[in-house]
Amino acid sequence: MADQRESVQQILQRAIDRGELPLAVDTSLAIDLLAGPLFYRRLVTGAEVNPPGFVTNLIDTVLTGLGHPSS
């Protein structure tokens, strides 16, 4: 699990380095914001974690909240 977290952290850091996300983005918090809804859906509600469009919408919403321009 730590390896997966590190991989996502590196992806986010590259986006910061390219200017796609603000320098002030807390990558650890960003990962929690991305993963939290997936765990909530699966463990609390029992809902599917990958209904059509859910993951894409989640990523877009979190990245927009972090300061990424809308696509």
PDB file of N, CA and C in Angstrom:
ATOM      1  N   MET A   1       0.816  -1.189   0.000  1.00  0.00           N
ATOM      2  CA  MET A   1       0.000   0.000   0.000  1.00  0.00           C
ATOM      3  C   MET A   1       0.865   1.261   0.000  1.00  0.00           C
ATOM      4  N   ALA A   2       1.989   1.218   0.707  1.00  0.00           N
ATOM      5  CA  ALA A   2       2.883   2.376   0.743  1.00  0.00           C
ATOM      6  C   ALA A   2       3.467   2.650  -0.639  1.00  0.00           C
ATOM      7  N   ASP A   3       3.723   1.589  -1.397  1.00  0.00           N
ATOM      8  CA  ASP A   3       4.254   1.762  -2.756  1.00  0.00           C
ATOM      9  C   ASP A   3       3.239   2.462  -3.651  1.00  0.00           C
ATOM     10  N   GLN A   4       1.974   2.092  -3.517  1.00  0.00           N
ATOM     11  CA  GLN A   4       0.925   2.734  -4.318  1.00  0.00           C
ATOM     12  C   GLN A   4       0.802   4.200  -3.949  1.00  0.00           C
ATOM     13  N   ARG A   5       0.849   4.495  -2.660  1.00  0.00           N
ATOM     14  CA  ARG A   5       0.750   5.874  -2.203  1.00  0.00           C
ATOM     15  C   ARG A   5       1.929   6.691  -2.742  1.00  0.00           C
ATOM     16  N   GLU A   6       3.105   6.108  -2.711  1.00  0.00           N
ATOM     17  CA  GLU A   6       4.307   6.783  -3.220  1.00  0.00           C
ATOM     18  C   GLU A   6       4.177   7.059  -4.715  1.00  0.00           C
ATOM     19  N   SER A   7       3.622   6.120  -5.462  1.00  0.00           N
ATOM     20  CA  SER A   7       3.436   6.307  -6.902  1.00  0.00           C
ATOM     21  C   SER A   7       2.505   7.480  -7.189  1.00  0.00           C
ATOM     22  N   VAL A   8       1.394   7.548  -6.461  1.00  0.00           N
ATOM     23  CA  VAL A   8       0.442   8.649  -6.660  1.00  0.00           C
ATOM     24  C   VAL A   8       1.078   9.963  -6.223  1.00  0.00           C
ATOM     25  N   GLN A   9       1.839   9.932  -5.145  1.00  0.00           N
ATOM     26  CA  GLN A   9       2.511  11.144  -4.676  1.00  0.00           C
ATOM     27  C   GLN A   9       3.483  11.665  -5.742  1.00  0.00           C
ATOM     28  N   GLN A  10       4.197  10.772  -6.399  1.00  0.00           N
ATOM     29  CA  GLN A  10       5.117  11.178  -7.462  1.00  0.00           C
ATOM     30  C   GLN A  10       4.369  11.779  -8.651  1.00  0.00           C
ATOM     31  N   ILE A  11       3.224  11.206  -9.004  1.00  0.00           N
ATOM     32  CA  ILE A  11       2.414  11.748 -10.102  1.00  0.00           C
ATOM     33  C   ILE A  11       1.965  13.163  -9.761  1.00  0.00           C
ATOM     34  N   LEU A  12       1.478  13.354  -8.550  1.00  0.00           N
ATOM     35  CA  LEU A  12       1.029  14.686  -8.127  1.00  0.00           C
ATOM     36  C   LEU A  12       2.195  15.667  -8.086  1.00  0.00           C
ATOM     37  N   GLN A  13       3.343  15.215  -7.615  1.00  0.00           N
ATOM     38  CA  GLN A  13       4.508  16.102  -7.545  1.00  0.00           C
ATOM     39  C   GLN A  13       4.956  16.522  -8.936  1.00  0.00           C
ATOM     40  N   ARG A  14       4.900  15.619  -9.893  1.00  0.00           N
ATOM     41  CA  ARG A  14       5.246  15.984 -11.277  1.00  0.00           C
ATOM     42  C   ARG A  14       4.270  17.027 -11.821  1.00  0.00           C
ATOM     43  N   ALA A  15       3.001  16.894 -11.471  1.00  0.00           N
ATOM     44  CA  ALA A  15       2.004  17.886 -11.902  1.00  0.00           C
ATOM     45  C   ALA A  15       2.314  19.249 -11.280  1.00  0.00           C
ATOM     46  N   ILE A  16       2.758  19.261 -10.038  1.00  0.00           N
ATOM     47  CA  ILE A  16       3.168  20.515  -9.384  1.00  0.00           C
ATOM     48  C   ILE A  16       4.385  21.086 -10.097  1.00  0.00           C
ATOM     49  N   ASP A  17       5.365  20.234 -10.358  1.00  0.00           N
ATOM     50  CA  ASP A  17       6.594  20.679 -11.024  1.00  0.00           C
ATOM     51  C   ASP A  17       6.322  21.260 -12.414  1.00  0.00           C
ATOM     52  N   ARG A  18       5.309  20.728 -13.110  1.00  0.00           N
ATOM     53  CA  ARG A  18       4.937  21.231 -14.435  1.00  0.00           C
ATOM     54  C   ARG A  18       4.041  22.460 -14.369  1.00  0.00           C
ATOM     55  N   GLY A  19       3.650  22.860 -13.170  1.00  0.00           N
ATOM     56  CA  GLY A  19       2.775  24.018 -13.022  1.00  0.00           C
ATOM     57  C   GLY A  19       1.305  23.702 -13.222  1.00  0.00           C
ATOM     58  N   GLU A  20       0.948  22.432 -13.259  1.00  0.00           N
ATOM     59  CA  GLU A  20      -0.446  22.033 -13.437  1.00  0.00           C
ATOM     60  C   GLU A  20      -1.230  22.092 -12.137  1.00  0.00           C
ATOM     61  N   LEU A  21      -0.521  22.063 -11.032  1.00  0.00           N
ATOM     62  CA  LEU A  21      -1.119  22.229  -9.708  1.00  0.00           C
ATOM     63  C   LEU A  21      -0.295  23.265  -8.946  1.00  0.00           C
ATOM     64  N   PRO A  22      -0.926  24.003  -8.042  1.00  0.00           N
ATOM     65  CA  PRO A  22      -0.182  25.008  -7.280  1.00  0.00           C
ATOM     66  C   PRO A  22       0.917  24.389  -6.412  1.00  0.00           C
ATOM     67  N   LEU A  23       1.950  25.176  -6.170  1.00  0.00           N
ATOM     68  CA  LEU A  23       3.064  24.719  -5.323  1.00  0.00           C
ATOM     69  C   LEU A  23       2.606  24.339  -3.920  1.00  0.00           C
ATOM     70  N   ALA A  24       1.542  24.980  -3.447  1.00  0.00           N
ATOM     71  CA  ALA A  24       1.080  24.777  -2.074  1.00  0.00           C
ATOM     72  C   ALA A  24       0.272  23.498  -1.882  1.00  0.00           C
ATOM     73  N   VAL A  25       0.046  22.714  -2.936  1.00  0.00           N
ATOM     74  CA  VAL A  25      -0.762  21.502  -2.791  1.00  0.00           C
ATOM     75  C   VAL A  25      -0.077  20.526  -1.841  1.00  0.00           C
ATOM     76  N   ASP A  26      -0.831  20.058  -0.868  1.00  0.00           N
ATOM     77  CA  ASP A  26      -0.373  19.038   0.070  1.00  0.00           C
ATOM     78  C   ASP A  26      -0.667  17.686  -0.585  1.00  0.00           C
ATOM     79  N   THR A  27       0.357  17.033  -1.118  1.00  0.00           N
ATOM     80  CA  THR A  27       0.145  15.798  -1.871  1.00  0.00           C
ATOM     81  C   THR A  27      -0.422  14.680  -1.002  1.00  0.00           C
ATOM     82  N   SER A  28      -0.054  14.657   0.251  1.00  0.00           N
ATOM     83  CA  SER A  28      -0.587  13.634   1.150  1.00  0.00           C
ATOM     84  C   SER A  28      -2.095  13.823   1.344  1.00  0.00           C
ATOM     85  N   LEU A  29      -2.515  15.053   1.540  1.00  0.00           N
ATOM     86  CA  LEU A  29      -3.941  15.346   1.666  1.00  0.00           C
ATOM     87  C   LEU A  29      -4.662  15.039   0.360  1.00  0.00           C
ATOM     88  N   ALA A  30      -4.056  15.369  -0.765  1.00  0.00           N
ATOM     89  CA  ALA A  30      -4.669  15.101  -2.068  1.00  0.00           C
ATOM     90  C   ALA A  30      -4.928  13.605  -2.244  1.00  0.00           C
ATOM     91  N   ILE A  31      -3.992  12.785  -1.833  1.00  0.00           N
ATOM     92  CA  ILE A  31      -4.171  11.333  -1.933  1.00  0.00           C
ATOM     93  C   ILE A  31      -5.332  10.889  -1.053  1.00  0.00           C
ATOM     94  N   ASP A  32      -5.417  11.431   0.144  1.00  0.00           N
ATOM     95  CA  ASP A  32      -6.530  11.097   1.037  1.00  0.00           C
ATOM     96  C   ASP A  32      -7.866  11.520   0.433  1.00  0.00           C
ATOM     97  N   LEU A  33      -7.885  12.686  -0.223  1.00  0.00           N
ATOM     98  CA  LEU A  33      -9.113  13.170  -0.857  1.00  0.00           C
ATOM     99  C   LEU A  33      -9.535  12.265  -2.016  1.00  0.00           C
ATOM    100  N   LEU A  34      -8.579  11.704  -2.706  1.00  0.00           N
ATOM    101  CA  LEU A  34      -8.887  10.799  -3.810  1.00  0.00           C
ATOM    102  C   LEU A  34      -9.315   9.415  -3.305  1.00  0.00           C
ATOM    103  N   ALA A  35      -8.636   8.906  -2.306  1.00  0.00           N
ATOM    104  CA  ALA A  35      -8.896   7.548  -1.830  1.00  0.00           C
ATOM    105  C   ALA A  35     -10.113   7.463  -0.907  1.00  0.00           C
ATOM    106  N   GLY A  36     -10.362   8.509  -0.137  1.00  0.00           N
ATOM    107  CA  GLY A  36     -11.436   8.479   0.854  1.00  0.00           C
ATOM    108  C   GLY A  36     -12.787   8.080   0.292  1.00  0.00           C
ATOM    109  N   PRO A  37     -13.242   8.714  -0.787  1.00  0.00           N
ATOM    110  CA  PRO A  37     -14.557   8.351  -1.324  1.00  0.00           C
ATOM    111  C   PRO A  37     -14.637   6.892  -1.796  1.00  0.00           C
ATOM    112  N   LEU A  38     -13.533   6.361  -2.288  1.00  0.00           N
ATOM    113  CA  LEU A  38     -13.536   4.968  -2.732  1.00  0.00           C
ATOM    114  C   LEU A  38     -13.724   4.020  -1.547  1.00  0.00           C
ATOM    115  N   PHE A  39     -12.979   4.275  -0.482  1.00  0.00           N
ATOM    116  CA  PHE A  39     -13.119   3.444   0.723  1.00  0.00           C
ATOM    117  C   PHE A  39     -14.505   3.610   1.347  1.00  0.00           C
ATOM    118  N   TYR A  40     -15.000   4.831   1.377  1.00  0.00           N
ATOM    119  CA  TYR A  40     -16.328   5.089   1.933  1.00  0.00           C
ATOM    120  C   TYR A  40     -17.389   4.305   1.163  1.00  0.00           C
ATOM    121  N   ARG A  41     -17.363   4.412  -0.159  1.00  0.00           N
ATOM    122  CA  ARG A  41     -18.356   3.705  -0.976  1.00  0.00           C
ATOM    123  C   ARG A  41     -18.297   2.198  -0.725  1.00  0.00           C
ATOM    124  N   ARG A  42     -17.111   1.653  -0.675  1.00  0.00           N
ATOM    125  CA  ARG A  42     -16.957   0.204  -0.545  1.00  0.00           C
ATOM    126  C   ARG A  42     -17.248  -0.290   0.861  1.00  0.00           C
ATOM    127  N   LEU A  43     -16.666   0.372   1.856  1.00  0.00           N
ATOM    128  CA  LEU A  43     -16.744  -0.144   3.223  1.00  0.00           C
ATOM    129  C   LEU A  43     -17.965   0.329   3.999  1.00  0.00           C
ATOM    130  N   VAL A  44     -18.440   1.531   3.742  1.00  0.00           N
ATOM    131  CA  VAL A  44     -19.566   2.064   4.511  1.00  0.00           C
ATOM    132  C   VAL A  44     -20.902   1.799   3.814  1.00  0.00           C
ATOM    133  N   THR A  45     -20.967   2.146   2.527  1.00  0.00           N
ATOM    134  CA  THR A  45     -22.244   2.002   1.827  1.00  0.00           C
ATOM    135  C   THR A  45     -22.376   0.682   1.082  1.00  0.00           C
ATOM    136  N   GLY A  46     -21.258   0.039   0.785  1.00  0.00           N
ATOM    137  CA  GLY A  46     -21.286  -1.195   0.019  1.00  0.00           C
ATOM    138  C   GLY A  46     -21.520  -0.962  -1.469  1.00  0.00           C
ATOM    139  N   ALA A  47     -21.520   0.300  -1.890  1.00  0.00           N
ATOM    140  CA  ALA A  47     -21.751   0.630  -3.291  1.00  0.00           C
ATOM    141  C   ALA A  47     -20.530   0.281  -4.134  1.00  0.00           C
ATOM    142  N   GLU A  48     -20.757   0.178  -5.441  1.00  0.00           N
ATOM    143  CA  GLU A  48     -19.663  -0.059  -6.371  1.00  0.00           C
ATOM    144  C   GLU A  48     -18.681   1.104  -6.299  1.00  0.00           C
ATOM    145  N   VAL A  49     -17.411   0.809  -6.466  1.00  0.00           N
ATOM    146  CA  VAL A  49     -16.412   1.878  -6.489  1.00  0.00           C
ATOM    147  C   VAL A  49     -16.127   2.350  -7.901  1.00  0.00           C
ATOM    148  N   ASN A  50     -16.680   1.662  -8.880  1.00  0.00           N
ATOM    149  CA  ASN A  50     -16.391   2.053 -10.252  1.00  0.00           C
ATOM    150  C   ASN A  50     -17.624   2.042 -11.158  1.00  0.00           C
ATOM    151  N   PRO A  51     -18.718   2.688 -10.708  1.00  0.00           N
ATOM    152  CA  PRO A  51     -19.817   2.808 -11.664  1.00  0.00           C
ATOM    153  C   PRO A  51     -19.377   3.751 -12.784  1.00  0.00           C
ATOM    154  N   PRO A  52     -20.036   3.692 -13.924  1.00  0.00           N
ATOM    155  CA  PRO A  52     -19.613   4.521 -15.062  1.00  0.00           C
ATOM    156  C   PRO A  52     -19.440   5.996 -14.694  1.00  0.00           C
ATOM    157  N   GLY A  53     -18.248   6.501 -14.972  1.00  0.00           N
ATOM    158  CA  GLY A  53     -17.953   7.916 -14.775  1.00  0.00           C
ATOM    159  C   GLY A  53     -17.583   8.329 -13.366  1.00  0.00           C
ATOM    160  N   PHE A  54     -17.752   7.466 -12.373  1.00  0.00           N
ATOM    161  CA  PHE A  54     -17.513   7.875 -10.987  1.00  0.00           C
ATOM    162  C   PHE A  54     -16.059   8.268 -10.743  1.00  0.00           C
ATOM    163  N   VAL A  55     -15.127   7.409 -11.127  1.00  0.00           N
ATOM    164  CA  VAL A  55     -13.716   7.669 -10.842  1.00  0.00           C
ATOM    165  C   VAL A  55     -13.244   8.908 -11.601  1.00  0.00           C
ATOM    166  N   THR A  56     -13.647   9.037 -12.853  1.00  0.00           N
ATOM    167  CA  THR A  56     -13.265  10.213 -13.641  1.00  0.00           C
ATOM    168  C   THR A  56     -13.807  11.487 -12.997  1.00  0.00           C
ATOM    169  N   ASN A  57     -15.063  11.462 -12.591  1.00  0.00           N
ATOM    170  CA  ASN A  57     -15.674  12.621 -11.932  1.00  0.00           C
ATOM    171  C   ASN A  57     -14.976  12.931 -10.608  1.00  0.00           C
ATOM    172  N   LEU A  58     -14.638  11.903  -9.846  1.00  0.00           N
ATOM    173  CA  LEU A  58     -13.934  12.086  -8.577  1.00  0.00           C
ATOM    174  C   LEU A  58     -12.590  12.766  -8.804  1.00  0.00           C
ATOM    175  N   ILE A  59     -11.816  12.255  -9.745  1.00  0.00           N
ATOM    176  CA  ILE A  59     -10.496  12.824 -10.030  1.00  0.00           C
ATOM    177  C   ILE A  59     -10.623  14.267 -10.499  1.00  0.00           C
ATOM    178  N   ASP A  60     -11.543  14.521 -11.430  1.00  0.00           N
ATOM    179  CA  ASP A  60     -11.746  15.886 -11.928  1.00  0.00           C
ATOM    180  C   ASP A  60     -12.132  16.838 -10.803  1.00  0.00           C
ATOM    181  N   THR A  61     -13.027  16.385  -9.932  1.00  0.00           N
ATOM    182  CA  THR A  61     -13.497  17.227  -8.824  1.00  0.00           C
ATOM    183  C   THR A  61     -12.368  17.545  -7.854  1.00  0.00           C
ATOM    184  N   VAL A  62     -11.587  16.532  -7.480  1.00  0.00           N
ATOM    185  CA  VAL A  62     -10.486  16.753  -6.536  1.00  0.00           C
ATOM    186  C   VAL A  62      -9.420  17.646  -7.167  1.00  0.00           C
ATOM    187  N   LEU A  63      -9.040  17.368  -8.406  1.00  0.00           N
ATOM    188  CA  LEU A  63      -8.003  18.187  -9.049  1.00  0.00           C
ATOM    189  C   LEU A  63      -8.455  19.631  -9.226  1.00  0.00           C
ATOM    190  N   THR A  64      -9.730  19.846  -9.565  1.00  0.00           N
ATOM    191  CA  THR A  64     -10.249  21.206  -9.667  1.00  0.00           C
ATOM    192  C   THR A  64     -10.184  21.899  -8.305  1.00  0.00           C
ATOM    193  N   GLY A  65     -10.537  21.184  -7.256  1.00  0.00           N
ATOM    194  CA  GLY A  65     -10.459  21.741  -5.912  1.00  0.00           C
ATOM    195  C   GLY A  65      -9.038  22.080  -5.488  1.00  0.00           C
ATOM    196  N   LEU A  66      -8.082  21.355  -6.021  1.00  0.00           N
ATOM    197  CA  LEU A  66      -6.673  21.605  -5.704  1.00  0.00           C
ATOM    198  C   LEU A  66      -6.083  22.738  -6.541  1.00  0.00           C
ATOM    199  N   GLY A  67      -6.852  23.192  -7.540  1.00  0.00           N
ATOM    200  CA  GLY A  67      -6.362  24.318  -8.338  1.00  0.00           C
ATOM    201  C   GLY A  67      -6.012  23.991  -9.763  1.00  0.00           C
ATOM    202  N   HIS A  68      -6.281  22.763 -10.197  1.00  0.00           N
ATOM    203  CA  HIS A  68      -6.027  22.401 -11.598  1.00  0.00           C
ATOM    204  C   HIS A  68      -7.117  23.023 -12.462  1.00  0.00           C
ATOM    205  N   PRO A  69      -6.738  23.626 -13.574  1.00  0.00           N
ATOM    206  CA  PRO A  69      -7.773  24.204 -14.443  1.00  0.00           C
ATOM    207  C   PRO A  69      -8.706  23.123 -14.959  1.00  0.00           C
ATOM    208  N   SER A  70      -9.968  23.451 -15.092  1.00  0.00           N
ATOM    209  CA  SER A  70     -10.954  22.475 -15.585  1.00  0.00           C
ATOM    210  C   SER A  70     -10.584  22.023 -16.983  1.00  0.00           C
ATOM    211  N   SER A  71     -10.856  20.739 -17.233  1.00  0.00           N
ATOM    212  CA  SER A  71     -10.539  20.212 -18.564  1.00  0.00           C
ATOM    213  C   SER A  71     -11.677  20.391 -19.520  1.00  0.00           C
TER     214      SER A  71
END
